[in-house]
Amino acid sequence: MEQLAEQLSKFIRLDADTAEALVSLFGEEQLKKNDFLAQSGEYSKKIAFVKSGILRAFYQNNAGEQYNKTFFKTNDFVGAYSSLVTGQQNLIDIQCLTDCTLFVADYQRYTKLYDRFPAIERLSRILAEQFFVQKEKREIELVLLEAKERYKIFQAEHPNLEQHIPQYHIASYLGVTPTQLSRIRAQK
């Protein structure tokens, strides 16, 4: 839990009572490679902090083709945010690409702390703003940049991730085929 408290302090200063109330909501869970934290069609109830491991958020069309939206790794917060906020069914799946250790909390219990601890509500706003900025940046990259440029950005933002996950997941994230990714990698 110390890792969680340390990471939270990078976003906002929490007094001891607030930090204790927040951290006490989280319990450690082990998920195996290919397990799901969230699945499309379900109603999400959990938020999590990645103590160790790698997860992906992805969409799947009716033909079964999967499109990776993002990756979560050690020290990231993860959850099916749209479902958590709206109470509607998940539109995405969140799956472990490696064995994972997560600190998991019930989202409703988390939000009930807002009135008693305004710093927790501020923390949520800060995290939401960061997710929004990352999402917008990614959308702009997909529309305006060539695949080779997107790959360089991926490498800079996710160093060493390539050594831990299959290349077809990276290709999907970049919006290219595995063959196209192989060609981009060969151009170095």
Protein backbone atom coordinates (compact mmCIF):
# COMPACT_ATOMS: atom_id res chain seq x y z
CA MET A 1 0.00 0.00 0.00
CA GLU A 2 2.99 2.27 0.46
CA GLN A 3 3.47 2.26 -3.31
CA LEU A 4 -0.12 3.49 -3.76
CA ALA A 5 0.27 6.23 -1.14
CA GLU A 6 3.54 7.34 -2.71
CA GLN A 7 2.00 7.53 -6.18
CA LEU A 8 -1.01 9.49 -4.90
CA SER A 9 1.32 12.05 -3.33
CA LYS A 10 2.67 12.83 -6.81
CA PHE A 11 -0.77 14.16 -7.76
CA ILE A 12 -1.90 15.92 -4.61
CA ARG A 13 -0.83 16.46 -1.02
CA LEU A 14 -3.08 14.47 1.31
CA ASP A 15 -3.16 14.91 5.07
CA ALA A 16 -2.75 11.74 7.15
CA ASP A 17 -6.51 11.23 7.79
CA THR A 18 -7.40 11.66 4.12
CA ALA A 19 -4.60 9.37 2.95
CA GLU A 20 -5.60 6.71 5.49
CA ALA A 21 -9.30 6.87 4.50
CA LEU A 22 -8.40 6.57 0.83
CA VAL A 23 -5.76 3.86 1.03
CA SER A 24 -7.94 1.77 3.37
CA LEU A 25 -10.46 1.31 0.52
CA PHE A 26 -7.97 -0.64 -1.56
CA GLY A 27 -7.25 -4.33 -1.24
CA GLU A 28 -4.61 -6.30 -3.08
CA GLU A 29 -5.77 -8.67 -5.85
CA GLN A 30 -3.81 -11.00 -8.07
CA LEU A 31 -4.94 -11.46 -11.67
CA LYS A 32 -3.40 -13.92 -14.10
CA LYS A 33 -2.39 -13.25 -17.67
CA ASN A 34 -5.55 -13.03 -19.86
CA ASP A 35 -7.86 -12.36 -16.86
CA PHE A 36 -10.21 -9.40 -17.19
CA LEU A 37 -10.57 -6.46 -14.83
CA ALA A 38 -13.59 -5.26 -16.84
CA GLN A 39 -15.56 -6.69 -19.75
CA SER A 40 -17.81 -5.03 -22.29
CA GLY A 41 -21.50 -5.43 -21.49
CA GLU A 42 -20.88 -5.58 -17.74
CA TYR A 43 -21.33 -2.77 -15.25
CA SER A 44 -18.04 -1.67 -13.74
CA LYS A 45 -17.78 -1.25 -10.00
CA LYS A 46 -14.00 -1.23 -9.44
CA ILE A 47 -11.10 1.12 -9.80
CA ALA A 48 -7.57 -0.14 -9.45
CA PHE A 49 -3.96 0.87 -9.12
CA VAL A 50 -1.38 -1.31 -10.88
CA LYS A 51 1.20 -2.47 -8.37
CA SER A 52 2.84 -4.63 -11.04
CA GLY A 53 1.99 -5.99 -14.46
CA ILE A 54 0.58 -4.80 -17.79
CA LEU A 55 -3.05 -4.51 -18.88
CA ARG A 56 -4.71 -3.32 -22.06
CA ALA A 57 -8.02 -1.59 -22.72
CA PHE A 58 -9.54 -2.59 -26.04
CA TYR A 59 -12.66 -2.51 -28.18
CA GLN A 60 -13.94 -5.46 -30.18
CA ASN A 61 -16.21 -5.15 -33.22
CA ASN A 62 -18.92 -7.60 -34.27
CA ALA A 63 -16.44 -9.47 -36.47
CA GLY A 64 -14.24 -10.12 -33.43
CA GLU A 65 -11.47 -7.72 -34.47
CA GLN A 66 -9.83 -6.07 -31.49
CA TYR A 67 -8.49 -2.51 -31.29
CA ASN A 68 -6.19 -1.62 -28.42
CA LYS A 69 -7.07 1.74 -26.91
CA THR A 70 -4.37 2.00 -24.26
CA PHE A 71 -2.00 0.11 -22.00
CA PHE A 72 -1.74 0.31 -18.22
CA LYS A 73 1.45 -0.57 -16.40
CA THR A 74 3.02 -0.31 -12.96
CA ASN A 75 1.92 2.83 -11.07
CA ASP A 76 -1.05 3.54 -13.38
CA PHE A 77 -4.66 3.87 -12.30
CA VAL A 78 -7.08 1.72 -14.29
CA GLY A 79 -10.82 1.29 -14.59
CA ALA A 80 -13.68 1.35 -17.07
CA TYR A 81 -14.16 5.03 -16.38
CA SER A 82 -17.21 5.70 -18.58
CA SER A 83 -19.14 2.86 -16.97
CA LEU A 84 -18.08 3.90 -13.48
CA VAL A 85 -19.18 7.51 -13.98
CA THR A 86 -22.40 6.91 -15.93
CA GLY A 87 -23.53 3.62 -14.41
CA GLN A 88 -23.98 2.26 -17.94
CA GLN A 89 -22.54 -0.92 -19.40
CA ASN A 90 -18.86 -1.10 -20.30
CA LEU A 91 -18.01 -0.45 -23.91
CA ILE A 92 -14.42 -1.64 -23.44
CA ASP A 93 -12.61 -4.66 -22.12
CA ILE A 94 -9.64 -4.37 -19.77
CA GLN A 95 -7.44 -7.48 -19.86
CA CYS A 96 -4.18 -8.50 -18.22
CA LEU A 97 -1.36 -9.05 -20.69
CA THR A 98 0.87 -10.35 -17.90
CA ASP A 99 0.23 -11.60 -14.39
CA CYS A 100 -0.82 -8.52 -12.41
CA THR A 101 -0.96 -7.37 -8.83
CA LEU A 102 -3.54 -4.63 -8.34
CA PHE A 103 -4.82 -2.56 -5.46
CA VAL A 104 -8.59 -2.57 -6.07
CA ALA A 105 -11.36 -0.44 -4.55
CA ASP A 106 -15.12 -0.19 -4.93
CA TYR A 107 -15.84 3.00 -6.89
CA GLN A 108 -19.00 3.92 -4.97
CA ARG A 109 -17.20 3.67 -1.64
CA TYR A 110 -14.45 5.83 -3.15
CA THR A 111 -16.83 8.58 -4.30
CA LYS A 112 -18.63 8.57 -0.94
CA LEU A 113 -15.45 10.02 0.54
CA TYR A 114 -15.77 13.20 -1.55
CA ASP A 115 -17.88 15.15 0.94
CA ARG A 116 -15.77 14.24 3.97
CA PHE A 117 -12.45 14.61 2.19
CA PRO A 118 -12.51 17.30 -0.55
CA ALA A 119 -8.88 16.48 -1.44
CA ILE A 120 -10.05 13.07 -2.73
CA GLU A 121 -12.53 14.77 -5.04
CA ARG A 122 -9.71 17.07 -6.23
CA LEU A 123 -7.54 14.01 -6.82
CA SER A 124 -10.30 12.49 -8.96
CA ARG A 125 -10.58 15.69 -10.98
CA ILE A 126 -6.82 15.80 -11.53
CA LEU A 127 -6.75 12.16 -12.67
CA ALA A 128 -9.76 12.72 -14.97
CA GLU A 129 -8.07 15.78 -16.49
CA GLN A 130 -4.90 13.79 -17.13
CA PHE A 131 -6.85 10.96 -18.76
CA PHE A 132 -8.67 13.48 -20.94
CA VAL A 133 -5.43 15.13 -22.06
CA GLN A 134 -3.86 11.74 -22.86
CA LYS A 135 -6.95 10.66 -24.79
CA GLU A 136 -7.03 13.87 -26.83
CA LYS A 137 -3.30 13.63 -27.57
CA ARG A 138 -3.70 10.04 -28.74
CA GLU A 139 -6.66 10.90 -30.99
CA ILE A 140 -4.67 13.72 -32.61
CA GLU A 141 -1.69 11.40 -33.15
CA LEU A 142 -3.88 8.77 -34.84
CA VAL A 143 -5.34 11.32 -37.23
CA LEU A 144 -2.37 13.56 -37.98
CA LEU A 145 0.80 11.47 -37.66
CA GLU A 146 2.27 8.76 -39.83
CA ALA A 147 2.61 5.29 -38.32
CA LYS A 148 6.39 5.64 -38.01
CA GLU A 149 5.95 8.79 -35.89
CA ARG A 150 3.30 7.12 -33.73
CA TYR A 151 5.68 4.21 -33.15
CA LYS A 152 8.45 6.56 -31.98
CA ILE A 153 6.02 8.22 -29.56
CA PHE A 154 4.91 4.79 -28.32
CA GLN A 155 8.53 3.82 -27.64
CA ALA A 156 9.18 7.05 -25.76
CA GLU A 157 6.01 6.84 -23.67
CA HIS A 158 6.19 3.09 -23.02
CA PRO A 159 9.89 2.18 -22.76
CA ASN A 160 10.53 -1.56 -22.53
CA LEU A 161 6.87 -2.47 -23.07
CA GLU A 162 7.79 -4.13 -26.38
CA GLN A 163 9.82 -6.72 -24.50
CA HIS A 164 6.79 -7.81 -22.46
CA ILE A 165 3.82 -7.94 -24.83
CA PRO A 166 3.16 -9.44 -28.28
CA GLN A 167 3.87 -7.22 -31.28
CA TYR A 168 0.32 -7.58 -32.61
CA HIS A 169 -0.95 -5.69 -29.55
CA ILE A 170 1.41 -2.83 -30.34
CA ALA A 171 0.35 -2.87 -34.00
CA SER A 172 -3.29 -2.67 -32.97
CA TYR A 173 -2.54 0.24 -30.64
CA LEU A 174 -0.73 2.08 -33.45
CA GLY A 175 -3.53 1.42 -35.94
CA VAL A 176 -1.39 -0.69 -38.28
CA THR A 177 -1.14 -4.35 -39.21
CA PRO A 178 1.58 -6.53 -37.66
CA THR A 179 3.25 -6.64 -41.09
CA GLN A 180 3.31 -2.84 -41.28
CA LEU A 181 4.81 -2.68 -37.78
CA SER A 182 7.53 -5.15 -38.82
CA ARG A 183 8.40 -2.89 -41.77
CA ILE A 184 8.53 0.19 -39.54
CA ARG A 185 10.78 -1.60 -37.05
CA ALA A 186 13.07 -2.79 -39.90
CA GLN A 187 13.60 0.82 -41.08
CA LYS A 188 15.67 1.72 -38.02
